């Protein structure tokens, strides 16, 4: 779908960067800079840069498990049309998926059907993960209403809608959200992802756990510092 994302000049600049013995090949000042700039662009207090959108969702699932999971509160609501990498990290952390259909207006989670489920089952729901498919914007006000009324955590996967706006604000600024910079999305690199949050505690958690993820391990819990 995307050939020659990098020009010849881009490739030369990349080679010059690696050939300079004074440059870091791992996380350094440039990661911090792009995090600050992207957080400002989105309108969130904090941004954390990770290796992929899948890794970003894995960190969301880990934080949800450590802070919201219990034997009775162990369900996460997902749209029935979504990405495997939006679901699998939460299943790996022990959550039970509850799939609810999308609506045909914005292809996001059907929030009326979601509320009907919550009316009888909200005590077992830890979070709702809403996914912005093909650049569509979910009903943010309805999501805020569900969060307040039923005391469930709202999470957004905006890998296909990094630039989406709701009331002139980037949709990632409303809730803890993720996006991807994979070359098939709106903001492109070879690979990468971001987590956006307005909560300092979450930000510190994501920073501390970012370097613990070895995606080839059987579980994030088995990962070691790299």
Protein backbone atom coordinates (compact mmCIF):
# COMPACT_ATOMS: atom_id res chain seq x y z
CA UNK A 1 0.00 0.00 0.00
CA UNK A 2 2.92 2.33 0.51
CA UNK A 3 6.16 2.18 -1.47
CA UNK A 4 9.24 4.35 -0.95
CA UNK A 5 8.14 6.07 2.25
CA UNK A 6 11.67 7.41 2.59
CA UNK A 7 13.37 9.55 -0.03
CA UNK A 8 17.03 9.16 -0.96
CA UNK A 9 17.80 12.24 1.16
CA UNK A 10 16.00 10.66 4.12
CA UNK A 11 18.15 7.54 3.78
CA UNK A 12 21.36 9.58 3.59
CA UNK A 13 20.39 11.49 6.75
CA UNK A 14 19.69 8.20 8.53
CA UNK A 15 23.07 6.80 7.51
CA UNK A 16 24.85 9.95 8.68
CA UNK A 17 23.08 9.68 12.04
CA UNK A 18 24.25 6.10 12.57
CA UNK A 19 27.78 6.82 11.38
CA UNK A 20 28.20 9.64 13.91
CA UNK A 21 29.81 8.01 16.95
CA UNK A 22 28.42 10.75 19.22
CA UNK A 23 24.79 9.90 18.49
CA UNK A 24 22.73 7.52 20.62
CA UNK A 25 21.07 4.57 18.88
CA UNK A 26 18.64 4.08 21.72
CA UNK A 27 16.26 6.37 23.62
CA UNK A 28 17.70 9.82 24.23
CA UNK A 29 16.79 13.49 23.93
CA UNK A 30 14.99 13.05 20.61
CA UNK A 31 12.44 10.65 22.13
CA UNK A 32 11.71 13.14 24.90
CA UNK A 33 11.41 15.94 22.37
CA UNK A 34 8.92 14.15 20.14
CA UNK A 35 6.89 13.09 23.18
CA UNK A 36 6.61 16.69 24.34
CA UNK A 37 5.78 17.97 20.86
CA UNK A 38 3.19 15.28 20.17
CA UNK A 39 1.52 15.75 23.57
CA UNK A 40 1.23 19.48 22.82
CA UNK A 41 -0.13 18.77 19.33
CA UNK A 42 -2.76 16.34 20.63
CA UNK A 43 -3.65 18.42 23.69
CA UNK A 44 -2.83 15.76 26.30
CA UNK A 45 -0.65 16.40 29.30
CA UNK A 46 1.62 13.46 28.56
CA UNK A 47 2.73 11.29 25.64
CA UNK A 48 4.84 8.13 25.79
CA UNK A 49 6.58 6.88 22.65
CA UNK A 50 6.80 3.08 22.27
CA UNK A 51 7.85 0.55 19.65
CA UNK A 52 4.39 0.05 18.09
CA UNK A 53 0.67 0.61 18.52
CA UNK A 54 0.44 -2.99 19.71
CA UNK A 55 2.95 -2.25 22.46
CA UNK A 56 0.93 0.82 23.43
CA UNK A 57 -2.19 -1.34 23.84
CA UNK A 58 -0.18 -3.89 25.82
CA UNK A 59 0.82 -1.19 28.31
CA UNK A 60 -2.84 -0.12 28.59
CA UNK A 61 -3.82 -3.71 29.39
CA UNK A 62 -1.06 -4.06 31.97
CA UNK A 63 -2.11 -0.85 33.72
CA UNK A 64 -5.76 -1.89 33.69
CA UNK A 65 -4.86 -5.26 35.22
CA UNK A 66 -2.74 -3.73 37.97
CA UNK A 67 -5.25 -1.03 38.92
CA UNK A 68 -8.79 -2.12 38.00
CA UNK A 69 -8.94 -5.92 37.77
CA UNK A 70 -10.67 -8.13 40.32
CA UNK A 71 -12.34 -11.53 40.24
CA UNK A 72 -15.70 -9.83 39.81
CA UNK A 73 -14.56 -6.85 37.71
CA UNK A 74 -12.81 -8.66 34.89
CA UNK A 75 -14.57 -7.77 31.63
CA UNK A 76 -13.53 -5.35 28.87
CA UNK A 77 -16.01 -4.23 26.21
CA UNK A 78 -14.73 -4.21 22.61
CA UNK A 79 -16.39 -3.37 19.28
CA UNK A 80 -17.07 -6.47 17.23
CA UNK A 81 -15.11 -4.98 14.32
CA UNK A 82 -11.62 -4.09 15.47
CA UNK A 83 -7.95 -5.13 15.45
CA UNK A 84 -6.58 -8.31 16.97
CA UNK A 85 -3.87 -6.22 18.61
CA UNK A 86 -6.54 -4.15 20.35
CA UNK A 87 -7.98 -7.25 22.00
CA UNK A 88 -5.18 -9.76 22.57
CA UNK A 89 -3.19 -7.77 25.20
CA UNK A 90 -6.25 -7.65 27.47
CA UNK A 91 -6.95 -11.37 27.04
CA UNK A 92 -3.32 -12.08 27.91
CA UNK A 93 -3.80 -10.11 31.12
CA UNK A 94 -6.80 -12.27 32.06
CA UNK A 95 -9.72 -10.05 31.03
CA UNK A 96 -12.86 -11.51 29.48
CA UNK A 97 -13.82 -9.82 26.19
CA UNK A 98 -17.40 -8.68 25.65
CA UNK A 99 -18.05 -7.88 22.00
CA UNK A 100 -20.72 -5.34 21.06
CA UNK A 101 -21.62 -4.42 17.49
CA UNK A 102 -20.58 -1.19 15.79
CA UNK A 103 -23.05 1.41 14.51
CA UNK A 104 -23.36 2.30 10.83
CA UNK A 105 -23.07 6.07 11.37
CA UNK A 106 -19.43 6.22 12.46
CA UNK A 107 -18.39 2.52 12.50
CA UNK A 108 -17.46 2.91 16.17
CA UNK A 109 -18.91 1.01 19.11
CA UNK A 110 -22.72 1.09 19.28
CA UNK A 111 -22.99 3.08 22.49
CA UNK A 112 -26.74 2.56 22.91
CA UNK A 113 -26.22 -1.21 22.86
CA UNK A 114 -23.25 -0.72 25.15
CA UNK A 115 -25.39 1.09 27.70
CA UNK A 116 -28.01 -1.64 27.61
CA UNK A 117 -25.29 -4.14 28.49
CA UNK A 118 -23.92 -1.88 31.23
CA UNK A 119 -27.34 -1.43 32.85
CA UNK A 120 -27.24 -5.06 33.97
CA UNK A 121 -23.52 -5.82 33.95
CA UNK A 122 -21.59 -2.65 34.84
CA UNK A 123 -20.26 -4.12 38.09
CA UNK A 124 -18.18 -6.65 36.17
CA UNK A 125 -16.89 -4.23 33.49
CA UNK A 126 -13.44 -2.76 34.11
CA UNK A 127 -13.17 -0.77 30.87
CA UNK A 128 -14.52 0.03 27.44
CA UNK A 129 -12.01 0.08 24.59
CA UNK A 130 -13.47 2.16 21.76
CA UNK A 131 -11.73 1.95 18.38
CA UNK A 132 -11.82 4.75 15.78
CA UNK A 133 -12.03 2.82 12.53
CA UNK A 134 -10.96 4.34 9.18
CA UNK A 135 -10.72 7.87 10.53
CA UNK A 136 -14.18 7.98 12.11
CA UNK A 137 -14.82 9.85 15.37
CA UNK A 138 -16.81 8.19 18.18
CA UNK A 139 -19.42 10.03 20.25
CA UNK A 140 -17.11 11.45 22.92
CA UNK A 141 -19.93 12.99 24.96
CA UNK A 142 -21.73 9.65 25.17
CA UNK A 143 -18.51 7.94 26.23
CA UNK A 144 -17.98 10.55 28.97
CA UNK A 145 -21.56 9.96 30.11
CA UNK A 146 -21.05 6.18 30.30
CA UNK A 147 -17.79 6.63 32.19
CA UNK A 148 -19.43 8.84 34.81
CA UNK A 149 -22.70 6.94 35.21
CA UNK A 150 -21.32 3.40 35.28
CA UNK A 151 -17.84 4.07 36.69
CA UNK A 152 -16.00 2.27 33.90
CA UNK A 153 -12.64 3.21 32.46
CA UNK A 154 -12.80 4.55 28.88
CA UNK A 155 -9.86 3.79 26.58
CA UNK A 156 -9.44 4.77 22.92
CA UNK A 157 -7.46 3.05 20.17
CA UNK A 158 -6.96 5.75 17.53
CA UNK A 159 -4.40 4.00 15.33
CA UNK A 160 -6.44 4.92 12.25
CA UNK A 161 -7.45 8.35 13.49
CA UNK A 162 -4.42 10.12 14.93
CA UNK A 163 -5.69 13.46 13.60
CA UNK A 164 -9.38 13.06 14.51
CA UNK A 165 -11.15 16.01 16.14
CA UNK A 166 -14.20 16.31 18.39
CA UNK A 167 -15.34 19.85 19.16
CA UNK A 168 -12.04 21.15 17.76
CA UNK A 169 -10.00 18.98 20.13
CA UNK A 170 -8.00 15.91 19.20
CA UNK A 171 -9.97 12.85 20.30
CA UNK A 172 -6.88 11.37 22.00
CA UNK A 173 -6.97 14.23 24.52
CA UNK A 174 -10.27 13.17 26.11
CA UNK A 175 -9.28 9.75 27.50
CA UNK A 176 -6.22 7.57 27.87
CA UNK A 177 -5.57 6.72 24.23
CA UNK A 178 -3.17 5.01 21.86
CA UNK A 179 -2.14 5.53 18.27
CA UNK A 180 0.26 3.98 15.78
CA UNK A 181 2.85 5.51 13.47
CA UNK A 182 3.00 2.45 11.23
CA UNK A 183 3.33 3.39 7.56
CA UNK A 184 -0.30 2.49 6.79
CA UNK A 185 -1.71 5.13 9.14
CA UNK A 186 -2.04 8.92 9.19
CA UNK A 187 1.28 9.71 10.88
CA UNK A 188 3.96 7.53 9.33
CA UNK A 189 7.28 6.01 10.29
CA UNK A 190 8.63 2.50 9.79
CA UNK A 191 7.05 1.45 13.10
CA UNK A 192 6.08 3.10 16.38
CA UNK A 193 3.24 4.01 18.70
CA UNK A 194 2.14 6.51 21.32
CA UNK A 195 0.14 6.50 24.53
CA UNK A 196 -1.58 9.75 25.53
CA UNK A 197 -2.83 10.43 29.04
CA UNK A 198 -3.78 13.33 31.30
CA UNK A 199 -3.02 11.33 34.46
CA UNK A 200 0.45 11.66 36.01
CA UNK A 201 0.18 8.27 37.73
CA UNK A 202 -0.55 6.56 34.42
CA UNK A 203 2.28 8.45 32.74
CA UNK A 204 4.78 7.28 35.36
CA UNK A 205 3.50 3.71 35.06
CA UNK A 206 3.86 3.70 31.27
CA UNK A 207 7.37 5.12 31.49
CA UNK A 208 8.50 2.56 34.06
CA UNK A 209 7.09 -0.37 32.11
CA UNK A 210 8.02 0.76 28.60
CA UNK A 211 11.45 -0.85 28.68
CA UNK A 212 10.22 -4.01 30.38
CA UNK A 213 8.27 -5.28 27.39
CA UNK A 214 9.85 -8.08 25.43
CA UNK A 215 7.10 -8.81 22.96
CA UNK A 216 8.37 -12.32 22.29
CA UNK A 217 7.93 -13.40 25.91
CA UNK A 218 4.94 -15.61 26.82
CA UNK A 219 3.51 -12.82 28.94
CA UNK A 220 4.41 -9.20 29.71
CA UNK A 221 4.81 -10.35 33.30
CA UNK A 222 7.72 -12.59 32.24
CA UNK A 223 9.60 -9.75 30.58
CA UNK A 224 12.94 -8.58 31.93
CA UNK A 225 14.60 -5.21 31.74
CA UNK A 226 16.44 -4.64 28.50
